């Protein structure tokens, strides 16, 4: 057995087939850089959703104020 093969067998990795010189090693591939646990896209969606909700509330209050103001002016003009 060659030196490289001895080194490989010393790793004690599970092997699917040793019958040919080309065999597959079943091992978990680890990424070179760690995968971040918090995706920046999720954070952007959260911030965008909060900004959208705040703008929606501000718009609803503004529309309600304008409608009440017009109704009050219309009532004052009718009493007039």
PDB file of N, CA and C in Angstrom:
ATOM      1  N   UNK A   1       0.860  -1.180   0.000  1.00  0.00           N
ATOM      2  CA  UNK A   1       0.000   0.000   0.000  1.00  0.00           C
ATOM      3  C   UNK A   1       0.899   1.233   0.000  1.00  0.00           C
ATOM      4  N   UNK A   2       0.538   2.187  -0.860  1.00  0.00           N
ATOM      5  CA  UNK A   2       1.361   3.387  -0.981  1.00  0.00           C
ATOM      6  C   UNK A   2       1.219   4.267   0.256  1.00  0.00           C
ATOM      7  N   UNK A   3       2.147   5.214   0.399  1.00  0.00           N
ATOM      8  CA  UNK A   3       2.128   6.108   1.552  1.00  0.00           C
ATOM      9  C   UNK A   3       0.895   6.984   1.599  1.00  0.00           C
ATOM     10  N   UNK A   4       0.471   7.479   0.433  1.00  0.00           N
ATOM     11  CA  UNK A   4      -0.716   8.335   0.390  1.00  0.00           C
ATOM     12  C   UNK A   4      -1.954   7.548   0.788  1.00  0.00           C
ATOM     13  N   UNK A   5      -2.018   6.303   0.329  1.00  0.00           N
ATOM     14  CA  UNK A   5      -3.187   5.491   0.672  1.00  0.00           C
ATOM     15  C   UNK A   5      -3.186   5.165   2.167  1.00  0.00           C
ATOM     16  N   UNK A   6      -2.009   4.928   2.735  1.00  0.00           N
ATOM     17  CA  UNK A   6      -1.930   4.672   4.178  1.00  0.00           C
ATOM     18  C   UNK A   6      -2.388   5.896   4.965  1.00  0.00           C
ATOM     19  N   UNK A   7      -1.963   7.072   4.510  1.00  0.00           N
ATOM     20  CA  UNK A   7      -2.400   8.303   5.171  1.00  0.00           C
ATOM     21  C   UNK A   7      -3.911   8.456   5.085  1.00  0.00           C
ATOM     22  N   UNK A   8      -4.448   8.114   3.911  1.00  0.00           N
ATOM     23  CA  UNK A   8      -5.889   8.232   3.725  1.00  0.00           C
ATOM     24  C   UNK A   8      -6.632   7.250   4.626  1.00  0.00           C
ATOM     25  N   UNK A   9      -6.168   6.014   4.679  1.00  0.00           N
ATOM     26  CA  UNK A   9      -6.846   5.010   5.498  1.00  0.00           C
ATOM     27  C   UNK A   9      -6.712   5.325   6.982  1.00  0.00           C
ATOM     28  N   UNK A  10      -5.675   6.050   7.362  1.00  0.00           N
ATOM     29  CA  UNK A  10      -5.496   6.424   8.763  1.00  0.00           C
ATOM     30  C   UNK A  10      -6.550   7.432   9.215  1.00  0.00           C
ATOM     31  N   UNK A  11      -7.211   8.094   8.267  1.00  0.00           N
ATOM     32  CA  UNK A  11      -8.249   9.068   8.616  1.00  0.00           C
ATOM     33  C   UNK A  11      -9.513   8.393   9.128  1.00  0.00           C
ATOM     34  N   UNK A  12      -9.698   7.100   8.834  1.00  0.00           N
ATOM     35  CA  UNK A  12     -10.873   6.332   9.266  1.00  0.00           C
ATOM     36  C   UNK A  12     -12.177   6.960   8.784  1.00  0.00           C
ATOM     37  N   UNK A  13     -12.209   7.375   7.531  1.00  0.00           N
ATOM     38  CA  UNK A  13     -13.429   7.920   6.949  1.00  0.00           C
ATOM     39  C   UNK A  13     -14.264   6.788   6.374  1.00  0.00           C
ATOM     40  N   UNK A  14     -15.596   6.877   6.455  1.00  0.00           N
ATOM     41  CA  UNK A  14     -16.430   5.836   5.855  1.00  0.00           C
ATOM     42  C   UNK A  14     -16.316   5.887   4.333  1.00  0.00           C
ATOM     43  N   UNK A  15     -16.099   4.745   3.725  1.00  0.00           N
ATOM     44  CA  UNK A  15     -15.900   4.659   2.281  1.00  0.00           C
ATOM     45  C   UNK A  15     -16.981   3.772   1.698  1.00  0.00           C
ATOM     46  N   UNK A  16     -17.547   4.181   0.562  1.00  0.00           N
ATOM     47  CA  UNK A  16     -18.611   3.383  -0.045  1.00  0.00           C
ATOM     48  C   UNK A  16     -18.062   2.191  -0.803  1.00  0.00           C
ATOM     49  N   UNK A  17     -16.945   2.345  -1.489  1.00  0.00           N
ATOM     50  CA  UNK A  17     -16.442   1.253  -2.324  1.00  0.00           C
ATOM     51  C   UNK A  17     -14.930   1.363  -2.438  1.00  0.00           C
ATOM     52  N   UNK A  18     -14.221   0.301  -2.021  1.00  0.00           N
ATOM     53  CA  UNK A  18     -12.759   0.289  -2.129  1.00  0.00           C
ATOM     54  C   UNK A  18     -12.292  -0.638  -3.249  1.00  0.00           C
ATOM     55  N   UNK A  19     -13.217  -1.123  -4.084  1.00  0.00           N
ATOM     56  CA  UNK A  19     -12.845  -2.124  -5.079  1.00  0.00           C
ATOM     57  C   UNK A  19     -12.030  -1.531  -6.230  1.00  0.00           C
ATOM     58  N   UNK A  20     -12.170  -0.263  -6.508  1.00  0.00           N
ATOM     59  CA  UNK A  20     -11.430   0.344  -7.606  1.00  0.00           C
ATOM     60  C   UNK A  20     -10.481   1.398  -7.048  1.00  0.00           C
ATOM     61  N   UNK A  21      -9.506   1.835  -7.855  1.00  0.00           N
ATOM     62  CA  UNK A  21      -8.609   2.890  -7.366  1.00  0.00           C
ATOM     63  C   UNK A  21      -9.330   4.221  -7.174  1.00  0.00           C
ATOM     64  N   UNK A  22     -10.510   4.355  -7.751  1.00  0.00           N
ATOM     65  CA  UNK A  22     -11.308   5.574  -7.600  1.00  0.00           C
ATOM     66  C   UNK A  22     -12.500   5.231  -6.727  1.00  0.00           C
ATOM     67  N   UNK A  23     -12.502   5.690  -5.517  1.00  0.00           N
ATOM     68  CA  UNK A  23     -13.628   5.400  -4.640  1.00  0.00           C
ATOM     69  C   UNK A  23     -14.119   6.690  -4.014  1.00  0.00           C
ATOM     70  N   UNK A  24     -15.354   6.644  -3.558  1.00  0.00           N
ATOM     71  CA  UNK A  24     -16.042   7.824  -3.042  1.00  0.00           C
ATOM     72  C   UNK A  24     -15.956   7.819  -1.525  1.00  0.00           C
ATOM     73  N   UNK A  25     -15.618   8.954  -0.975  1.00  0.00           N
ATOM     74  CA  UNK A  25     -15.568   9.109   0.478  1.00  0.00           C
ATOM     75  C   UNK A  25     -16.828   9.831   0.909  1.00  0.00           C
ATOM     76  N   UNK A  26     -17.526   9.262   1.874  1.00  0.00           N
ATOM     77  CA  UNK A  26     -18.729   9.905   2.403  1.00  0.00           C
ATOM     78  C   UNK A  26     -18.326  10.738   3.613  1.00  0.00           C
ATOM     79  N   UNK A  27     -18.114  12.006   3.396  1.00  0.00           N
ATOM     80  CA  UNK A  27     -17.743  12.904   4.490  1.00  0.00           C
ATOM     81  C   UNK A  27     -18.477  14.226   4.295  1.00  0.00           C
ATOM     82  N   UNK A  28     -18.769  14.879   5.389  1.00  0.00           N
ATOM     83  CA  UNK A  28     -19.472  16.158   5.334  1.00  0.00           C
ATOM     84  C   UNK A  28     -18.504  17.229   4.853  1.00  0.00           C
ATOM     85  N   UNK A  29     -18.914  17.970   3.842  1.00  0.00           N
ATOM     86  CA  UNK A  29     -18.081  19.061   3.330  1.00  0.00           C
ATOM     87  C   UNK A  29     -18.359  20.310   4.154  1.00  0.00           C
ATOM     88  N   UNK A  30     -17.345  20.834   4.765  1.00  0.00           N
ATOM     89  CA  UNK A  30     -17.467  22.060   5.554  1.00  0.00           C
ATOM     90  C   UNK A  30     -17.120  23.254   4.669  1.00  0.00           C
ATOM     91  N   UNK A  31     -17.896  24.342   4.750  1.00  0.00           N
ATOM     92  CA  UNK A  31     -17.562  25.520   3.951  1.00  0.00           C
ATOM     93  C   UNK A  31     -16.266  26.169   4.434  1.00  0.00           C
ATOM     94  N   UNK A  32     -15.557  26.798   3.511  1.00  0.00           N
ATOM     95  CA  UNK A  32     -14.297  27.461   3.861  1.00  0.00           C
ATOM     96  C   UNK A  32     -14.543  28.640   4.796  1.00  0.00           C
ATOM     97  N   UNK A  33     -15.624  29.356   4.567  1.00  0.00           N
ATOM     98  CA  UNK A  33     -15.986  30.465   5.448  1.00  0.00           C
ATOM     99  C   UNK A  33     -17.301  30.114   6.126  1.00  0.00           C
ATOM    100  N   UNK A  34     -17.472  30.440   7.384  1.00  0.00           N
ATOM    101  CA  UNK A  34     -18.713  30.084   8.071  1.00  0.00           C
ATOM    102  C   UNK A  34     -19.911  30.819   7.477  1.00  0.00           C
ATOM    103  N   UNK A  35     -21.017  30.126   7.429  1.00  0.00           N
ATOM    104  CA  UNK A  35     -22.245  30.714   6.899  1.00  0.00           C
ATOM    105  C   UNK A  35     -22.857  31.591   7.994  1.00  0.00           C
ATOM    106  N   UNK A  36     -23.175  32.846   7.706  1.00  0.00           N
ATOM    107  CA  UNK A  36     -23.761  33.704   8.741  1.00  0.00           C
ATOM    108  C   UNK A  36     -25.145  33.201   9.143  1.00  0.00           C
ATOM    109  N   UNK A  37     -25.442  33.292  10.425  1.00  0.00           N
ATOM    110  CA  UNK A  37     -26.725  32.794  10.910  1.00  0.00           C
ATOM    111  C   UNK A  37     -27.842  33.802  10.652  1.00  0.00           C
ATOM    112  N   UNK A  38     -27.528  35.078  10.613  1.00  0.00           N
ATOM    113  CA  UNK A  38     -28.549  36.085  10.323  1.00  0.00           C
ATOM    114  C   UNK A  38     -28.346  36.570   8.898  1.00  0.00           C
ATOM    115  N   UNK A  39     -29.334  36.354   8.094  1.00  0.00           N
ATOM    116  CA  UNK A  39     -29.268  36.753   6.698  1.00  0.00           C
ATOM    117  C   UNK A  39     -29.565  38.250   6.600  1.00  0.00           C
ATOM    118  N   UNK A  40     -28.711  39.046   5.941  1.00  0.00           N
ATOM    119  CA  UNK A  40     -28.983  40.482   5.827  1.00  0.00           C
ATOM    120  C   UNK A  40     -30.288  40.767   5.101  1.00  0.00           C
ATOM    121  N   UNK A  41     -30.709  39.866   4.219  1.00  0.00           N
ATOM    122  CA  UNK A  41     -31.969  40.065   3.504  1.00  0.00           C
ATOM    123  C   UNK A  41     -33.137  40.047   4.480  1.00  0.00           C
ATOM    124  N   UNK A  42     -33.106  39.153   5.474  1.00  0.00           N
ATOM    125  CA  UNK A  42     -34.173  39.104   6.469  1.00  0.00           C
ATOM    126  C   UNK A  42     -34.241  40.409   7.251  1.00  0.00           C
ATOM    127  N   UNK A  43     -33.085  40.965   7.572  1.00  0.00           N
ATOM    128  CA  UNK A  43     -33.053  42.227   8.313  1.00  0.00           C
ATOM    129  C   UNK A  43     -33.628  43.355   7.458  1.00  0.00           C
ATOM    130  N   UNK A  44     -33.286  43.361   6.172  1.00  0.00           N
ATOM    131  CA  UNK A  44     -33.823  44.393   5.277  1.00  0.00           C
ATOM    132  C   UNK A  44     -35.334  44.282   5.161  1.00  0.00           C
ATOM    133  N   UNK A  45     -35.832  43.048   5.077  1.00  0.00           N
ATOM    134  CA  UNK A  45     -37.276  42.862   4.992  1.00  0.00           C
ATOM    135  C   UNK A  45     -37.961  43.351   6.259  1.00  0.00           C
ATOM    136  N   UNK A  46     -37.354  43.084   7.402  1.00  0.00           N
ATOM    137  CA  UNK A  46     -37.926  43.526   8.672  1.00  0.00           C
ATOM    138  C   UNK A  46     -37.969  45.045   8.750  1.00  0.00           C
ATOM    139  N   UNK A  47     -36.859  45.695   8.417  1.00  0.00           N
ATOM    140  CA  UNK A  47     -36.802  47.161   8.463  1.00  0.00           C
ATOM    141  C   UNK A  47     -37.770  47.752   7.447  1.00  0.00           C
ATOM    142  N   UNK A  48     -37.802  47.187   6.247  1.00  0.00           N
ATOM    143  CA  UNK A  48     -38.730  47.679   5.229  1.00  0.00           C
ATOM    144  C   UNK A  48     -40.177  47.524   5.655  1.00  0.00           C
ATOM    145  N   UNK A  49     -40.490  46.409   6.293  1.00  0.00           N
ATOM    146  CA  UNK A  49     -41.852  46.194   6.781  1.00  0.00           C
ATOM    147  C   UNK A  49     -42.236  47.185   7.861  1.00  0.00           C
ATOM    148  N   UNK A  50     -41.298  47.449   8.775  1.00  0.00           N
ATOM    149  CA  UNK A  50     -41.583  48.416   9.841  1.00  0.00           C
ATOM    150  C   UNK A  50     -41.762  49.825   9.283  1.00  0.00           C
ATOM    151  N   UNK A  51     -40.905  50.211   8.350  1.00  0.00           N
ATOM    152  CA  UNK A  51     -41.028  51.541   7.731  1.00  0.00           C
ATOM    153  C   UNK A  51     -42.354  51.639   6.982  1.00  0.00           C
ATOM    154  N   UNK A  52     -42.711  50.586   6.263  1.00  0.00           N
ATOM    155  CA  UNK A  52     -43.983  50.583   5.542  1.00  0.00           C
ATOM    156  C   UNK A  52     -45.175  50.695   6.479  1.00  0.00           C
ATOM    157  N   UNK A  53     -45.120  49.994   7.612  1.00  0.00           N
ATOM    158  CA  UNK A  53     -46.218  50.060   8.579  1.00  0.00           C
ATOM    159  C   UNK A  53     -46.338  51.456   9.181  1.00  0.00           C
ATOM    160  N   UNK A  54     -45.201  52.066   9.512  1.00  0.00           N
ATOM    161  CA  UNK A  54     -45.227  53.422  10.079  1.00  0.00           C
ATOM    162  C   UNK A  54     -45.783  54.411   9.063  1.00  0.00           C
ATOM    163  N   UNK A  55     -45.327  54.308   7.815  1.00  0.00           N
ATOM    164  CA  UNK A  55     -45.848  55.209   6.780  1.00  0.00           C
ATOM    165  C   UNK A  55     -47.340  54.987   6.560  1.00  0.00           C
ATOM    166  N   UNK A  56     -47.786  53.744   6.649  1.00  0.00           N
ATOM    167  CA  UNK A  56     -49.213  53.459   6.501  1.00  0.00           C
ATOM    168  C   UNK A  56     -50.038  54.098   7.597  1.00  0.00           C
ATOM    169  N   UNK A  57     -49.552  54.033   8.831  1.00  0.00           N
ATOM    170  CA  UNK A  57     -50.271  54.652   9.953  1.00  0.00           C
ATOM    171  C   UNK A  57     -50.293  56.165   9.796  1.00  0.00           C
ATOM    172  N   UNK A  58     -49.171  56.760   9.414  1.00  0.00           N
ATOM    173  CA  UNK A  58     -49.112  58.218   9.212  1.00  0.00           C
ATOM    174  C   UNK A  58     -50.078  58.636   8.106  1.00  0.00           C
ATOM    175  N   UNK A  59     -50.116  57.881   7.022  1.00  0.00           N
ATOM    176  CA  UNK A  59     -51.024  58.212   5.917  1.00  0.00           C
ATOM    177  C   UNK A  59     -52.481  58.087   6.360  1.00  0.00           C
ATOM    178  N   UNK A  60     -52.802  57.054   7.138  1.00  0.00           N
ATOM    179  CA  UNK A  60     -54.180  56.875   7.606  1.00  0.00           C
ATOM    180  C   UNK A  60     -54.603  58.022   8.518  1.00  0.00           C
ATOM    181  N   UNK A  61     -53.718  58.452   9.404  1.00  0.00           N
ATOM    182  CA  UNK A  61     -54.033  59.572  10.301  1.00  0.00           C
ATOM    183  C   UNK A  61     -54.207  60.853   9.495  1.00  0.00           C
ATOM    184  N   UNK A  62     -53.350  61.069   8.495  1.00  0.00           N
ATOM    185  CA  UNK A  62     -53.453  62.279   7.672  1.00  0.00           C
ATOM    186  C   UNK A  62     -54.762  62.294   6.890  1.00  0.00           C
ATOM    187  N   UNK A  63     -55.139  61.179   6.300  1.00  0.00           N
ATOM    188  CA  UNK A  63     -56.398  61.114   5.540  1.00  0.00           C
ATOM    189  C   UNK A  63     -57.584  61.347   6.465  1.00  0.00           C
ATOM    190  N   UNK A  64     -57.563  60.742   7.654  1.00  0.00           N
ATOM    191  CA  UNK A  64     -58.653  60.930   8.610  1.00  0.00           C
ATOM    192  C   UNK A  64     -58.760  62.394   9.029  1.00  0.00           C
ATOM    193  N   UNK A  65     -57.620  63.039   9.271  1.00  0.00           N
ATOM    194  CA  UNK A  65     -57.617  64.450   9.666  1.00  0.00           C
ATOM    195  C   UNK A  65     -58.194  65.325   8.554  1.00  0.00           C
ATOM    196  N   UNK A  66     -57.774  65.063   7.320  1.00  0.00           N
ATOM    197  CA  UNK A  66     -58.263  65.861   6.187  1.00  0.00           C
ATOM    198  C   UNK A  66     -59.763  65.678   6.015  1.00  0.00           C
ATOM    199  N   UNK A  67     -60.249  64.446   6.146  1.00  0.00           N
ATOM    200  CA  UNK A  67     -61.689  64.210   5.995  1.00  0.00           C
ATOM    201  C   UNK A  67     -62.484  64.895   7.095  1.00  0.00           C
ATOM    202  N   UNK A  68     -61.986  64.844   8.328  1.00  0.00           N
ATOM    203  CA  UNK A  68     -62.692  65.519   9.423  1.00  0.00           C
ATOM    204  C   UNK A  68     -62.688  67.035   9.231  1.00  0.00           C
ATOM    205  N   UNK A  69     -61.560  67.577   8.742  1.00  0.00           N
ATOM    206  CA  UNK A  69     -61.458  69.014   8.510  1.00  0.00           C
ATOM    207  C   UNK A  69     -62.446  69.456   7.435  1.00  0.00           C
ATOM    208  N   UNK A  70     -62.535  68.689   6.337  1.00  0.00           N
ATOM    209  CA  UNK A  70     -63.476  69.034   5.266  1.00  0.00           C
ATOM    210  C   UNK A  70     -64.922  68.950   5.753  1.00  0.00           C
ATOM    211  N   UNK A  71     -65.203  67.909   6.554  1.00  0.00           N
ATOM    212  CA  UNK A  71     -66.563  67.744   7.068  1.00  0.00           C
ATOM    213  C   UNK A  71     -66.931  68.915   7.983  1.00  0.00           C
ATOM    214  N   UNK A  72     -65.981  69.349   8.816  1.00  0.00           N
ATOM    215  CA  UNK A  72     -66.242  70.473   9.720  1.00  0.00           C
ATOM    216  C   UNK A  72     -66.453  71.759   8.927  1.00  0.00           C
ATOM    217  N   UNK A  73     -65.672  71.975   7.868  1.00  0.00           N
ATOM    218  CA  UNK A  73     -65.835  73.184   7.048  1.00  0.00           C
ATOM    219  C   UNK A  73     -67.165  73.158   6.305  1.00  0.00           C
ATOM    220  N   UNK A  74     -67.527  71.963   5.806  1.00  0.00           N
ATOM    221  CA  UNK A  74     -68.791  71.842   5.094  1.00  0.00           C
ATOM    222  C   UNK A  74     -69.964  72.113   6.037  1.00  0.00           C
ATOM    223  N   UNK A  75     -69.870  71.598   7.271  1.00  0.00           N
ATOM    224  CA  UNK A  75     -70.924  71.833   8.263  1.00  0.00           C
ATOM    225  C   UNK A  75     -71.016  73.305   8.637  1.00  0.00           C
ATOM    226  N   UNK A  76     -69.876  73.964   8.767  1.00  0.00           N
ATOM    227  CA  UNK A  76     -69.868  75.388   9.113  1.00  0.00           C
ATOM    228  C   UNK A  76     -70.425  76.219   7.966  1.00  0.00           C
ATOM    229  N   UNK A  77     -70.172  75.812   6.723  1.00  0.00           N
ATOM    230  CA  UNK A  77     -70.672  76.554   5.568  1.00  0.00           C
ATOM    231  C   UNK A  77     -72.185  76.409   5.456  1.00  0.00           C
ATOM    232  N   UNK A  78     -72.710  75.233   5.801  1.00  0.00           N
ATOM    233  CA  UNK A  78     -74.156  75.025   5.731  1.00  0.00           C
ATOM    234  C   UNK A  78     -74.883  75.814   6.810  1.00  0.00           C
ATOM    235  N   UNK A  79     -74.253  75.923   7.991  1.00  0.00           N
ATOM    236  CA  UNK A  79     -74.883  76.669   9.076  1.00  0.00           C
ATOM    237  C   UNK A  79     -74.763  78.176   8.865  1.00  0.00           C
ATOM    238  N   UNK A  80     -73.768  78.549   8.102  1.00  0.00           N
ATOM    239  CA  UNK A  80     -73.436  79.790   7.871  1.00  0.00           C
ATOM    240  C   UNK A  80     -73.610  81.105   7.777  1.00  0.00           C
TER     241      UNK A  80
END
